[in-house]
Amino acid sequence: MSENKNILQDLHGRNHAYLRISLIERCNLRCSYCMPEEGVQLSPKSHLMTYEEIYDIAKTFVKHGVTKIRLTGGEPLIRKDIPIILEKLATLPVELSITSNAVIIDKFIDVLKEHGVNKINLSLDSLDREKFKHITRRDQFDIVYKNLLLLVKEGFNVKVNVVLMKGFNENEIIDFINLTKSMPISVRFIEFMPFDGNKWDMGKMVSYAEVMAYVNASFSKENVQRLQDAPNDTSKNYKISGYKGSFAVISSVTNPFCDSCNRLRLTANGQLKNCLFSSTESDLLTTLREGKSIEPIIQKAVQAKFKVRGGMDTLKKLQEPKLHNNNRSMITIGG
């Protein structure tokens, strides 16, 4: 392989500078859209990446142009060696961020600050304690909300991710937007996506158009500002005039943002996924443990990336269960 070959550029001209690394398949919540009711078959511990292997793989990606790494799970903070992982990855020239359900994040404020982790994506799907308990199957709303306030107070850049499901939480869209009145946070509404075991169907999805219909019914047109989206942004960003924060819609289903996608995903058991919707994976961990170069596998995986949503380039294909039931459950992919 040529030393100058850009192994992170796919056949559609997209360069991949953003790596999401799942640290663990376990979680201290049981969100229904993420984990099937019956649970999932967890990888044996020996099949999971050690902190040294996470660092070695990350270093290879950074060598070839990755500038941003986000740590996900499961819940990444329940991994016992998370301080060591952060310490190792913080030595790389990347922007380091994390996605968490915030149940125990108050215990990690200092270690996150120490290693330059300022950007936190917090998962929160309801502001109603009983609904939160229903969707997560755990009674932890009070601590999560308290920790959201703590993160803001401590100066973290916080995005709140809300998966919308029809008949469950779409009536909270305006409540979530009103959080941004006094808090400098970004609330991001995410269209419900299909994964193994989450009983997805189009009828449960709240679309980008429907979100904006709620917004436009509640706020005057001149007060709803469309913001400039960042390059490679997955979200369409807005702000209510005079509010400290902003809100956005991630429309993976109705308006996919595949043209500018720059993301790759590494699962906790060392499999590279070139797309969230892809049912195929490339085993980096076995090759790494054999002492061989993982670069050819990375290049092959990147070049095999479909132009749109793992090949599901129409809503009709997305609604075909056999095309997405071969994918993992969300918890074992990494948020």
C-alpha atoms as a PDB file:
ATOM      1  CA  MET A   1       0.000   0.000   0.000  1.00  0.00           C
ATOM      2  CA  SER A   2       1.296   3.412  -0.936  1.00  0.00           C
ATOM      3  CA  GLU A   3       2.247   5.517   2.065  1.00  0.00           C
ATOM      4  CA  ASN A   4       0.406   8.475   0.552  1.00  0.00           C
ATOM      5  CA  LYS A   5      -2.767   6.542  -0.186  1.00  0.00           C
ATOM      6  CA  ASN A   6      -5.730   8.053   1.641  1.00  0.00           C
ATOM      7  CA  ILE A   7      -7.209   4.925   3.186  1.00  0.00           C
ATOM      8  CA  LEU A   8     -10.049   6.884   4.793  1.00  0.00           C
ATOM      9  CA  GLN A   9     -11.499   8.195   1.521  1.00  0.00           C
ATOM     10  CA  ASP A  10     -14.348   6.162   0.064  1.00  0.00           C
ATOM     11  CA  LEU A  11     -15.301   5.686  -3.581  1.00  0.00           C
ATOM     12  CA  HIS A  12     -17.761   8.590  -3.357  1.00  0.00           C
ATOM     13  CA  GLY A  13     -15.027  11.070  -2.423  1.00  0.00           C
ATOM     14  CA  ARG A  14     -15.936  11.298   1.260  1.00  0.00           C
ATOM     15  CA  ASN A  15     -13.043  11.643   3.713  1.00  0.00           C
ATOM     16  CA  HIS A  16     -13.606  10.117   7.137  1.00  0.00           C
ATOM     17  CA  ALA A  17     -12.131  12.238   9.917  1.00  0.00           C
ATOM     18  CA  TYR A  18     -14.519  11.223  12.707  1.00  0.00           C
ATOM     19  CA  LEU A  19     -14.279   7.922  14.589  1.00  0.00           C
ATOM     20  CA  ARG A  20     -16.874   6.806  17.132  1.00  0.00           C
ATOM     21  CA  ILE A  21     -15.516   4.162  19.504  1.00  0.00           C
ATOM     22  CA  SER A  22     -17.856   2.029  21.583  1.00  0.00           C
ATOM     23  CA  LEU A  23     -16.117   1.070  24.827  1.00  0.00           C
ATOM     24  CA  ILE A  24     -18.671  -1.368  26.233  1.00  0.00           C
ATOM     25  CA  GLU A  25     -21.869  -3.179  25.278  1.00  0.00           C
ATOM     26  CA  ARG A  26     -23.394  -2.947  28.753  1.00  0.00           C
ATOM     27  CA  CYS A  27     -25.513  -0.089  30.069  1.00  0.00           C
ATOM     28  CA  ASN A  28     -27.114   0.938  33.353  1.00  0.00           C
ATOM     29  CA  LEU A  29     -30.358   1.811  31.512  1.00  0.00           C
ATOM     30  CA  ARG A  30     -32.524  -0.377  29.253  1.00  0.00           C
ATOM     31  CA  CYS A  31     -33.939   2.001  26.635  1.00  0.00           C
ATOM     32  CA  SER A  32     -36.412   0.140  24.453  1.00  0.00           C
ATOM     33  CA  TYR A  33     -35.304   1.643  21.116  1.00  0.00           C
ATOM     34  CA  CYS A  34     -31.696   0.703  21.882  1.00  0.00           C
ATOM     35  CA  MET A  35     -31.914  -2.676  23.614  1.00  0.00           C
ATOM     36  CA  PRO A  36     -34.438  -5.458  22.895  1.00  0.00           C
ATOM     37  CA  GLU A  37     -36.684  -6.323  25.845  1.00  0.00           C
ATOM     38  CA  GLU A  38     -35.072  -9.734  26.189  1.00  0.00           C
ATOM     39  CA  GLY A  39     -31.612  -8.144  26.354  1.00  0.00           C
ATOM     40  CA  VAL A  40     -28.701  -8.901  24.031  1.00  0.00           C
ATOM     41  CA  GLN A  41     -26.007 -11.545  23.812  1.00  0.00           C
ATOM     42  CA  LEU A  42     -22.942  -9.784  25.172  1.00  0.00           C
ATOM     43  CA  SER A  43     -19.482 -10.453  23.798  1.00  0.00           C
ATOM     44  CA  PRO A  44     -17.228 -12.426  26.156  1.00  0.00           C
ATOM     45  CA  LYS A  45     -14.785 -10.129  27.939  1.00  0.00           C
ATOM     46  CA  SER A  46     -11.857 -11.655  26.051  1.00  0.00           C
ATOM     47  CA  HIS A  47     -13.475 -10.488  22.784  1.00  0.00           C
ATOM     48  CA  LEU A  48     -13.603  -6.844  23.872  1.00  0.00           C
ATOM     49  CA  MET A  49     -10.839  -4.370  23.144  1.00  0.00           C
ATOM     50  CA  THR A  50      -8.449  -3.625  26.007  1.00  0.00           C
ATOM     51  CA  TYR A  51      -7.486  -0.009  26.637  1.00  0.00           C
ATOM     52  CA  GLU A  52      -4.147  -0.661  24.892  1.00  0.00           C
ATOM     53  CA  GLU A  53      -5.955  -2.041  21.826  1.00  0.00           C
ATOM     54  CA  ILE A  54      -8.372   0.894  21.761  1.00  0.00           C
ATOM     55  CA  TYR A  55      -5.396   3.247  21.793  1.00  0.00           C
ATOM     56  CA  ASP A  56      -3.471   1.311  19.107  1.00  0.00           C
ATOM     57  CA  ILE A  57      -6.455   1.231  16.737  1.00  0.00           C
ATOM     58  CA  ALA A  58      -7.280   4.893  17.395  1.00  0.00           C
ATOM     59  CA  LYS A  59      -3.648   5.838  16.741  1.00  0.00           C
ATOM     60  CA  THR A  60      -3.817   4.176  13.315  1.00  0.00           C
ATOM     61  CA  PHE A  61      -6.937   6.140  12.396  1.00  0.00           C
ATOM     62  CA  VAL A  62      -5.418   9.400  13.611  1.00  0.00           C
ATOM     63  CA  LYS A  63      -2.303   8.701  11.535  1.00  0.00           C
ATOM     64  CA  HIS A  64      -4.553   8.612   8.458  1.00  0.00           C
ATOM     65  CA  GLY A  65      -6.572  11.731   9.161  1.00  0.00           C
ATOM     66  CA  VAL A  66      -9.053  11.232  11.983  1.00  0.00           C
ATOM     67  CA  THR A  67      -9.308  14.470  13.962  1.00  0.00           C
ATOM     68  CA  LYS A  68     -12.316  13.720  16.154  1.00  0.00           C
ATOM     69  CA  ILE A  69     -13.035  10.743  18.417  1.00  0.00           C
ATOM     70  CA  ARG A  70     -16.278  10.230  20.327  1.00  0.00           C
ATOM     71  CA  LEU A  71     -16.537   7.566  23.026  1.00  0.00           C
ATOM     72  CA  THR A  72     -19.859   5.740  23.248  1.00  0.00           C
ATOM     73  CA  GLY A  73     -21.341   2.527  24.614  1.00  0.00           C
ATOM     74  CA  GLY A  74     -23.552   1.075  26.052  1.00  0.00           C
ATOM     75  CA  GLU A  75     -22.699   3.518  28.775  1.00  0.00           C
ATOM     76  CA  PRO A  76     -18.983   4.278  28.384  1.00  0.00           C
ATOM     77  CA  LEU A  77     -18.569   5.527  31.958  1.00  0.00           C
ATOM     78  CA  ILE A  78     -19.372   2.128  33.498  1.00  0.00           C
ATOM     79  CA  ARG A  79     -16.173   0.754  32.019  1.00  0.00           C
ATOM     80  CA  LYS A  80     -13.771   0.519  34.978  1.00  0.00           C
ATOM     81  CA  ASP A  81     -10.693   1.642  33.027  1.00  0.00           C
ATOM     82  CA  ILE A  82     -12.352   4.731  31.524  1.00  0.00           C
ATOM     83  CA  PRO A  83      -9.841   7.098  33.241  1.00  0.00           C
ATOM     84  CA  ILE A  84      -6.942   5.219  31.589  1.00  0.00           C
ATOM     85  CA  ILE A  85      -8.683   5.204  28.197  1.00  0.00           C
ATOM     86  CA  LEU A  86      -9.225   8.954  28.424  1.00  0.00           C
ATOM     87  CA  GLU A  87      -5.636   9.511  29.514  1.00  0.00           C
ATOM     88  CA  LYS A  88      -4.271   7.490  26.568  1.00  0.00           C
ATOM     89  CA  LEU A  89      -6.539   8.998  23.911  1.00  0.00           C
ATOM     90  CA  ALA A  90      -5.910  12.531  25.211  1.00  0.00           C
ATOM     91  CA  THR A  91      -2.290  12.166  24.038  1.00  0.00           C
ATOM     92  CA  LEU A  92      -3.488  12.010  20.417  1.00  0.00           C
ATOM     93  CA  PRO A  93      -4.045  15.214  18.385  1.00  0.00           C
ATOM     94  CA  VAL A  94      -7.832  14.851  18.296  1.00  0.00           C
ATOM     95  CA  GLU A  95     -10.966  16.460  19.671  1.00  0.00           C
ATOM     96  CA  LEU A  96     -12.196  13.994  22.281  1.00  0.00           C
ATOM     97  CA  SER A  97     -15.885  13.837  23.233  1.00  0.00           C
ATOM     98  CA  ILE A  98     -18.279  11.397  24.896  1.00  0.00           C
ATOM     99  CA  THR A  99     -21.914  10.272  24.769  1.00  0.00           C
ATOM    100  CA  SER A 100     -23.481   9.339  28.105  1.00  0.00           C
ATOM    101  CA  ASN A 101     -26.852   8.768  29.741  1.00  0.00           C
ATOM    102  CA  ALA A 102     -25.502  10.919  32.632  1.00  0.00           C
ATOM    103  CA  VAL A 103     -26.584   8.529  35.403  1.00  0.00           C
ATOM    104  CA  ILE A 104     -23.082   8.504  36.945  1.00  0.00           C
ATOM    105  CA  ILE A 105     -21.362  11.335  35.064  1.00  0.00           C
ATOM    106  CA  ASP A 106     -21.169  13.506  38.210  1.00  0.00           C
ATOM    107  CA  LYS A 107     -18.403  11.187  39.454  1.00  0.00           C
ATOM    108  CA  PHE A 108     -16.295  11.917  36.350  1.00  0.00           C
ATOM    109  CA  ILE A 109     -16.416  15.709  36.097  1.00  0.00           C
ATOM    110  CA  ASP A 110     -12.778  16.132  37.140  1.00  0.00           C
ATOM    111  CA  VAL A 111     -11.381  13.341  34.957  1.00  0.00           C
ATOM    112  CA  LEU A 112     -13.272  14.630  31.910  1.00  0.00           C
ATOM    113  CA  LYS A 113     -11.905  18.138  32.464  1.00  0.00           C
ATOM    114  CA  GLU A 114      -8.398  16.826  33.104  1.00  0.00           C
ATOM    115  CA  HIS A 115      -8.304  15.143  29.693  1.00  0.00           C
ATOM    116  CA  GLY A 116      -9.916  17.944  27.719  1.00  0.00           C
ATOM    117  CA  VAL A 117     -13.303  16.318  27.177  1.00  0.00           C
ATOM    118  CA  ASN A 118     -15.583  19.332  26.940  1.00  0.00           C
ATOM    119  CA  LYS A 119     -18.268  18.081  24.542  1.00  0.00           C
ATOM    120  CA  ILE A 120     -20.892  15.831  26.115  1.00  0.00           C
ATOM    121  CA  ASN A 121     -23.851  14.296  24.291  1.00  0.00           C
ATOM    122  CA  LEU A 122     -26.460  13.429  26.904  1.00  0.00           C
ATOM    123  CA  SER A 123     -29.279  10.992  26.070  1.00  0.00           C
ATOM    124  CA  LEU A 124     -32.635  12.059  27.535  1.00  0.00           C
ATOM    125  CA  ASP A 125     -35.919  11.096  25.883  1.00  0.00           C
ATOM    126  CA  SER A 126     -38.481  12.509  28.287  1.00  0.00           C
ATOM    127  CA  LEU A 127     -38.786  15.281  30.863  1.00  0.00           C
ATOM    128  CA  ASP A 128     -41.582  13.347  32.553  1.00  0.00           C
ATOM    129  CA  ARG A 129     -40.327  11.091  35.342  1.00  0.00           C
ATOM    130  CA  GLU A 130     -42.860   8.294  34.705  1.00  0.00           C
ATOM    131  CA  LYS A 131     -42.273   8.298  30.942  1.00  0.00           C
ATOM    132  CA  PHE A 132     -38.516   8.289  31.538  1.00  0.00           C
ATOM    133  CA  LYS A 133     -38.969   5.251  33.786  1.00  0.00           C
ATOM    134  CA  HIS A 134     -41.086   3.557  31.115  1.00  0.00           C
ATOM    135  CA  ILE A 135     -38.655   4.081  28.230  1.00  0.00           C
ATOM    136  CA  THR A 136     -35.471   3.325  30.191  1.00  0.00           C
ATOM    137  CA  ARG A 137     -36.975   0.665  32.476  1.00  0.00           C
ATOM    138  CA  ARG A 138     -35.141   2.426  35.311  1.00  0.00           C
ATOM    139  CA  ASP A 139     -36.209   5.139  37.799  1.00  0.00           C
ATOM    140  CA  GLN A 140     -33.260   7.517  37.298  1.00  0.00           C
ATOM    141  CA  PHE A 141     -34.806  10.701  35.908  1.00  0.00           C
ATOM    142  CA  ASP A 142     -34.020  12.883  38.921  1.00  0.00           C
ATOM    143  CA  ILE A 143     -30.293  12.112  38.917  1.00  0.00           C
ATOM    144  CA  VAL A 144     -30.023  12.495  35.126  1.00  0.00           C
ATOM    145  CA  TYR A 145     -31.718  15.905  35.161  1.00  0.00           C
ATOM    146  CA  LYS A 146     -29.617  17.007  38.131  1.00  0.00           C
ATOM    147  CA  ASN A 147     -26.480  15.959  36.253  1.00  0.00           C
ATOM    148  CA  LEU A 148     -27.591  17.858  33.147  1.00  0.00           C
ATOM    149  CA  LEU A 149     -27.760  21.011  35.270  1.00  0.00           C
ATOM    150  CA  LEU A 150     -24.371  20.162  36.805  1.00  0.00           C
ATOM    151  CA  LEU A 151     -22.706  19.756  33.392  1.00  0.00           C
ATOM    152  CA  VAL A 152     -24.040  23.131  32.272  1.00  0.00           C
ATOM    153  CA  LYS A 153     -22.896  24.751  35.515  1.00  0.00           C
ATOM    154  CA  GLU A 154     -19.420  23.232  35.110  1.00  0.00           C
ATOM    155  CA  GLY A 155     -19.100  24.769  31.649  1.00  0.00           C
ATOM    156  CA  PHE A 156     -19.371  21.686  29.452  1.00  0.00           C
ATOM    157  CA  ASN A 157     -20.665  21.979  25.895  1.00  0.00           C
ATOM    158  CA  VAL A 158     -23.832  19.865  26.219  1.00  0.00           C
ATOM    159  CA  LYS A 159     -26.058  18.409  23.513  1.00  0.00           C
ATOM    160  CA  VAL A 160     -29.217  16.632  24.649  1.00  0.00           C
ATOM    161  CA  ASN A 161     -30.230  13.790  22.313  1.00  0.00           C
ATOM    162  CA  VAL A 162     -33.973  13.034  22.195  1.00  0.00           C
ATOM    163  CA  VAL A 163     -35.205  10.034  20.195  1.00  0.00           C
ATOM    164  CA  LEU A 164     -38.765  10.886  19.203  1.00  0.00           C
ATOM    165  CA  MET A 165     -41.446   8.187  19.122  1.00  0.00           C
ATOM    166  CA  LYS A 166     -45.010   8.835  18.076  1.00  0.00           C
ATOM    167  CA  GLY A 167     -47.541   8.492  20.863  1.00  0.00           C
ATOM    168  CA  PHE A 168     -44.801   8.645  23.462  1.00  0.00           C
ATOM    169  CA  ASN A 169     -42.860  11.895  23.592  1.00  0.00           C
ATOM    170  CA  GLU A 170     -43.664  14.073  20.566  1.00  0.00           C
ATOM    171  CA  ASN A 171     -45.878  16.166  22.861  1.00  0.00           C
ATOM    172  CA  GLU A 172     -42.683  17.165  24.739  1.00  0.00           C
ATOM    173  CA  ILE A 173     -40.947  18.780  21.743  1.00  0.00           C
ATOM    174  CA  ILE A 174     -41.782  22.313  22.898  1.00  0.00           C
ATOM    175  CA  ASP A 175     -40.904  21.489  26.539  1.00  0.00           C
ATOM    176  CA  PHE A 176     -37.449  20.405  25.369  1.00  0.00           C
ATOM    177  CA  ILE A 177     -37.016  23.528  23.224  1.00  0.00           C
ATOM    178  CA  ASN A 178     -37.986  25.652  26.221  1.00  0.00           C
ATOM    179  CA  LEU A 179     -35.026  24.162  28.120  1.00  0.00           C
ATOM    180  CA  THR A 180     -32.861  26.168  25.732  1.00  0.00           C
ATOM    181  CA  LYS A 181     -34.412  29.437  26.945  1.00  0.00           C
ATOM    182  CA  SER A 182     -32.215  29.570  30.033  1.00  0.00           C
ATOM    183  CA  MET A 183     -29.616  26.874  29.284  1.00  0.00           C
ATOM    184  CA  PRO A 184     -26.868  27.197  26.627  1.00  0.00           C
ATOM    185  CA  ILE A 185     -27.473  23.660  25.385  1.00  0.00           C
ATOM    186  CA  SER A 186     -28.419  22.155  22.032  1.00  0.00           C
ATOM    187  CA  VAL A 187     -31.453  19.855  22.092  1.00  0.00           C
ATOM    188  CA  ARG A 188     -31.359  17.430  19.161  1.00  0.00           C
ATOM    189  CA  PHE A 189     -34.470  15.565  18.056  1.00  0.00           C
ATOM    190  CA  ILE A 190     -33.585  12.261  16.414  1.00  0.00           C
ATOM    191  CA  GLU A 191     -35.869  10.357  14.076  1.00  0.00           C
ATOM    192  CA  PHE A 192     -36.540   6.834  15.391  1.00  0.00           C
ATOM    193  CA  MET A 193     -34.317   4.454  13.388  1.00  0.00           C
ATOM    194  CA  PRO A 194     -34.569   0.713  12.691  1.00  0.00           C
ATOM    195  CA  PHE A 195     -32.277  -1.715  14.537  1.00  0.00           C
ATOM    196  CA  ASP A 196     -32.550  -5.345  15.487  1.00  0.00           C
ATOM    197  CA  GLY A 197     -35.131  -5.928  18.214  1.00  0.00           C
ATOM    198  CA  ASN A 198     -36.471  -2.377  18.580  1.00  0.00           C
ATOM    199  CA  LYS A 199     -39.835  -3.026  16.838  1.00  0.00           C
ATOM    200  CA  TRP A 200     -39.326  -0.138  14.432  1.00  0.00           C
ATOM    201  CA  ASP A 201     -41.924   0.911  11.932  1.00  0.00           C
ATOM    202  CA  MET A 202     -42.551   4.137  10.021  1.00  0.00           C
ATOM    203  CA  GLY A 203     -45.730   4.735  12.008  1.00  0.00           C
ATOM    204  CA  LYS A 204     -43.710   5.249  15.207  1.00  0.00           C
ATOM    205  CA  MET A 205     -41.411   7.820  13.648  1.00  0.00           C
ATOM    206  CA  VAL A 206     -41.787  11.578  14.159  1.00  0.00           C
ATOM    207  CA  SER A 207     -40.337  13.167  11.029  1.00  0.00           C
ATOM    208  CA  TYR A 208     -38.336  16.361  10.575  1.00  0.00           C
ATOM    209  CA  ALA A 209     -41.403  17.957   8.942  1.00  0.00           C
ATOM    210  CA  GLU A 210     -43.590  16.990  11.905  1.00  0.00           C
ATOM    211  CA  VAL A 211     -41.089  18.421  14.418  1.00  0.00           C
ATOM    212  CA  MET A 212     -41.063  21.728  12.546  1.00  0.00           C
ATOM    213  CA  ALA A 213     -44.878  21.731  12.428  1.00  0.00           C
ATOM    214  CA  TYR A 214     -44.891  21.628  16.243  1.00  0.00           C
ATOM    215  CA  VAL A 215     -42.292  24.412  16.332  1.00  0.00           C
ATOM    216  CA  ASN A 216     -44.141  26.635  13.880  1.00  0.00           C
ATOM    217  CA  ALA A 217     -47.411  26.161  15.753  1.00  0.00           C
ATOM    218  CA  SER A 218     -45.821  27.313  19.007  1.00  0.00           C
ATOM    219  CA  PHE A 219     -43.455  30.089  17.946  1.00  0.00           C
ATOM    220  CA  SER A 220     -43.926  32.953  15.516  1.00  0.00           C
ATOM    221  CA  LYS A 221     -42.115  32.535  12.216  1.00  0.00           C
ATOM    222  CA  GLU A 222     -39.799  35.503  12.800  1.00  0.00           C
ATOM    223  CA  ASN A 223     -38.629  34.030  16.128  1.00  0.00           C
ATOM    224  CA  VAL A 224     -37.526  30.696  14.627  1.00  0.00           C
ATOM    225  CA  GLN A 225     -34.001  31.234  13.295  1.00  0.00           C
ATOM    226  CA  ARG A 226     -32.331  28.748  10.945  1.00  0.00           C
ATOM    227  CA  LEU A 227     -28.673  28.475  11.959  1.00  0.00           C
ATOM    228  CA  GLN A 228     -25.685  27.730   9.757  1.00  0.00           C
ATOM    229  CA  ASP A 229     -24.916  24.004   9.961  1.00  0.00           C
ATOM    230  CA  ALA A 230     -21.291  23.016  10.501  1.00  0.00           C
ATOM    231  CA  PRO A 231     -19.521  21.074   7.732  1.00  0.00           C
ATOM    232  CA  ASN A 232     -20.377  17.347   7.982  1.00  0.00           C
ATOM    233  CA  ASP A 233     -23.151  18.158  10.453  1.00  0.00           C
ATOM    234  CA  THR A 234     -25.811  15.482  10.877  1.00  0.00           C
ATOM    235  CA  SER A 235     -28.356  17.973  12.169  1.00  0.00           C
ATOM    236  CA  LYS A 236     -30.433  20.850  10.846  1.00  0.00           C
ATOM    237  CA  ASN A 237     -29.979  23.575  13.452  1.00  0.00           C
ATOM    238  CA  TYR A 238     -32.361  26.238  14.736  1.00  0.00           C
ATOM    239  CA  LYS A 239     -32.673  28.762  17.530  1.00  0.00           C
ATOM    240  CA  ILE A 240     -35.541  30.641  19.120  1.00  0.00           C
ATOM    241  CA  SER A 241     -34.772  34.378  19.244  1.00  0.00           C
ATOM    242  CA  GLY A 242     -33.547  35.413  22.673  1.00  0.00           C
ATOM    243  CA  TYR A 243     -32.987  31.840  23.887  1.00  0.00           C
ATOM    244  CA  LYS A 244     -29.530  30.926  25.226  1.00  0.00           C
ATOM    245  CA  GLY A 245     -29.405  27.554  23.519  1.00  0.00           C
ATOM    246  CA  SER A 246     -30.528  26.000  20.241  1.00  0.00           C
ATOM    247  CA  PHE A 247     -32.311  22.939  18.879  1.00  0.00           C
ATOM    248  CA  ALA A 248     -31.821  20.665  15.909  1.00  0.00           C
ATOM    249  CA  VAL A 249     -33.326  17.749  14.033  1.00  0.00           C
ATOM    250  CA  ILE A 250     -31.333  14.687  12.979  1.00  0.00           C
ATOM    251  CA  SER A 251     -33.367  13.301  10.090  1.00  0.00           C
ATOM    252  CA  SER A 252     -31.548  10.040   9.331  1.00  0.00           C
ATOM    253  CA  VAL A 253     -34.709   8.499   7.895  1.00  0.00           C
ATOM    254  CA  THR A 254     -36.564  11.204   5.964  1.00  0.00           C
ATOM    255  CA  ASN A 255     -33.634  13.452   4.959  1.00  0.00           C
ATOM    256  CA  PRO A 256     -30.405  11.439   5.242  1.00  0.00           C
ATOM    257  CA  PHE A 257     -27.172  13.424   5.358  1.00  0.00           C
ATOM    258  CA  CYS A 258     -25.067  10.734   3.695  1.00  0.00           C
ATOM    259  CA  ASP A 259     -23.488  13.015   1.085  1.00  0.00           C
ATOM    260  CA  SER A 260     -21.322  14.695   3.713  1.00  0.00           C
ATOM    261  CA  CYS A 261     -20.859  11.726   6.047  1.00  0.00           C
ATOM    262  CA  ASN A 262     -17.368  11.598   7.558  1.00  0.00           C
ATOM    263  CA  ARG A 263     -18.046   8.992  10.301  1.00  0.00           C
ATOM    264  CA  LEU A 264     -16.790   5.506  10.993  1.00  0.00           C
ATOM    265  CA  ARG A 265     -17.716   3.312  13.958  1.00  0.00           C
ATOM    266  CA  LEU A 266     -15.627   0.906  15.988  1.00  0.00           C
ATOM    267  CA  THR A 267     -17.607  -1.530  18.126  1.00  0.00           C
ATOM    268  CA  ALA A 268     -16.501  -2.623  21.594  1.00  0.00           C
ATOM    269  CA  ASN A 269     -15.414  -5.987  20.190  1.00  0.00           C
ATOM    270  CA  GLY A 270     -13.192  -4.379  17.577  1.00  0.00           C
ATOM    271  CA  GLN A 271     -15.397  -4.490  14.490  1.00  0.00           C
ATOM    272  CA  LEU A 272     -15.346  -1.576  12.063  1.00  0.00           C
ATOM    273  CA  LYS A 273     -18.730  -0.452  10.738  1.00  0.00           C
ATOM    274  CA  ASN A 274     -18.554   1.955   7.822  1.00  0.00           C
ATOM    275  CA  CYS A 275     -22.159   3.092   8.388  1.00  0.00           C
ATOM    276  CA  LEU A 276     -24.654   3.006  11.247  1.00  0.00           C
ATOM    277  CA  PHE A 277     -27.130   1.229   8.950  1.00  0.00           C
ATOM    278  CA  SER A 278     -24.624  -1.254   7.514  1.00  0.00           C
ATOM    279  CA  SER A 279     -25.146  -4.919   8.358  1.00  0.00           C
ATOM    280  CA  THR A 280     -21.542  -5.771   7.450  1.00  0.00           C
ATOM    281  CA  GLU A 281     -18.516  -5.406   9.724  1.00  0.00           C
ATOM    282  CA  SER A 282     -14.756  -5.695   9.369  1.00  0.00           C
ATOM    283  CA  ASP A 283     -12.755  -7.399  12.109  1.00  0.00           C
ATOM    284  CA  LEU A 284      -9.843  -5.182  13.156  1.00  0.00           C
ATOM    285  CA  LEU A 285      -9.218  -6.750  16.557  1.00  0.00           C
ATOM    286  CA  THR A 286      -8.261 -10.255  15.421  1.00  0.00           C
ATOM    287  CA  THR A 287      -5.770  -8.861  12.904  1.00  0.00           C
ATOM    288  CA  LEU A 288      -4.333  -6.477  15.500  1.00  0.00           C
ATOM    289  CA  ARG A 289      -3.878  -9.371  17.958  1.00  0.00           C
ATOM    290  CA  GLU A 290      -2.093 -11.344  15.262  1.00  0.00           C
ATOM    291  CA  GLY A 291       0.417  -8.497  15.003  1.00  0.00           C
ATOM    292  CA  LYS A 292      -0.575  -7.651  11.427  1.00  0.00           C
ATOM    293  CA  SER A 293      -1.422  -4.279   9.894  1.00  0.00           C
ATOM    294  CA  ILE A 294      -5.071  -3.269  10.152  1.00  0.00           C
ATOM    295  CA  GLU A 295      -4.682  -0.610   7.444  1.00  0.00           C
ATOM    296  CA  PRO A 296      -5.681  -2.841   4.471  1.00  0.00           C
ATOM    297  CA  ILE A 297      -8.859  -3.896   6.316  1.00  0.00           C
ATOM    298  CA  ILE A 298      -9.722  -0.283   7.112  1.00  0.00           C
ATOM    299  CA  GLN A 299      -9.194   0.760   3.500  1.00  0.00           C
ATOM    300  CA  LYS A 300     -11.313  -2.116   2.148  1.00  0.00           C
ATOM    301  CA  ALA A 301     -14.134  -1.333   4.610  1.00  0.00           C
ATOM    302  CA  VAL A 302     -14.124   2.375   3.784  1.00  0.00           C
ATOM    303  CA  GLN A 303     -14.158   1.714   0.044  1.00  0.00           C
ATOM    304  CA  ALA A 304     -17.103  -0.669   0.468  1.00  0.00           C
ATOM    305  CA  LYS A 305     -19.250   2.077   2.019  1.00  0.00           C
ATOM    306  CA  PHE A 306     -22.549   2.615   0.229  1.00  0.00           C
ATOM    307  CA  LYS A 307     -23.503   6.078  -0.936  1.00  0.00           C
ATOM    308  CA  VAL A 308     -26.680   6.143   1.190  1.00  0.00           C
ATOM    309  CA  ARG A 309     -27.716   4.432   4.475  1.00  0.00           C
ATOM    310  CA  GLY A 310     -25.949   1.091   4.083  1.00  0.00           C
ATOM    311  CA  GLY A 311     -27.560   0.610   0.659  1.00  0.00           C
ATOM    312  CA  MET A 312     -31.097   1.393   1.877  1.00  0.00           C
ATOM    313  CA  ASP A 313     -31.382   4.402  -0.406  1.00  0.00           C
ATOM    314  CA  THR A 314     -35.195   4.601  -0.409  1.00  0.00           C
ATOM    315  CA  LEU A 315     -37.820   4.631   2.349  1.00  0.00           C
ATOM    316  CA  LYS A 316     -39.290   1.484   0.783  1.00  0.00           C
ATOM    317  CA  LYS A 317     -36.016  -0.389   1.347  1.00  0.00           C
ATOM    318  CA  LEU A 318     -35.773   0.999   4.872  1.00  0.00           C
ATOM    319  CA  GLN A 319     -39.192  -0.459   5.625  1.00  0.00           C
ATOM    320  CA  GLU A 320     -38.082  -3.940   4.515  1.00  0.00           C
ATOM    321  CA  PRO A 321     -37.322  -5.800   7.804  1.00  0.00           C
ATOM    322  CA  LYS A 322     -34.864  -8.256   6.277  1.00  0.00           C
ATOM    323  CA  LEU A 323     -32.640  -5.338   5.219  1.00  0.00           C
ATOM    324  CA  HIS A 324     -32.153  -3.983   8.753  1.00  0.00           C
ATOM    325  CA  ASN A 325     -32.791  -6.956  11.057  1.00  0.00           C
ATOM    326  CA  ASN A 326     -29.348  -8.334  10.215  1.00  0.00           C
ATOM    327  CA  ASN A 327     -27.849  -5.236  11.799  1.00  0.00           C
ATOM    328  CA  ARG A 328     -26.931  -5.224  15.486  1.00  0.00           C
ATOM    329  CA  SER A 329     -29.072  -3.780  18.226  1.00  0.00           C
ATOM    330  CA  MET A 330     -28.073  -0.153  18.829  1.00  0.00           C
ATOM    331  CA  ILE A 331     -26.514  -0.957  22.216  1.00  0.00           C
ATOM    332  CA  THR A 332     -23.903  -3.241  20.631  1.00  0.00           C
ATOM    333  CA  ILE A 333     -23.107  -0.793  17.808  1.00  0.00           C
ATOM    334  CA  GLY A 334     -22.434   2.237  19.972  1.00  0.00           C
ATOM    335  CA  GLY A 335     -24.571   5.385  20.131  1.00  0.00           C
END
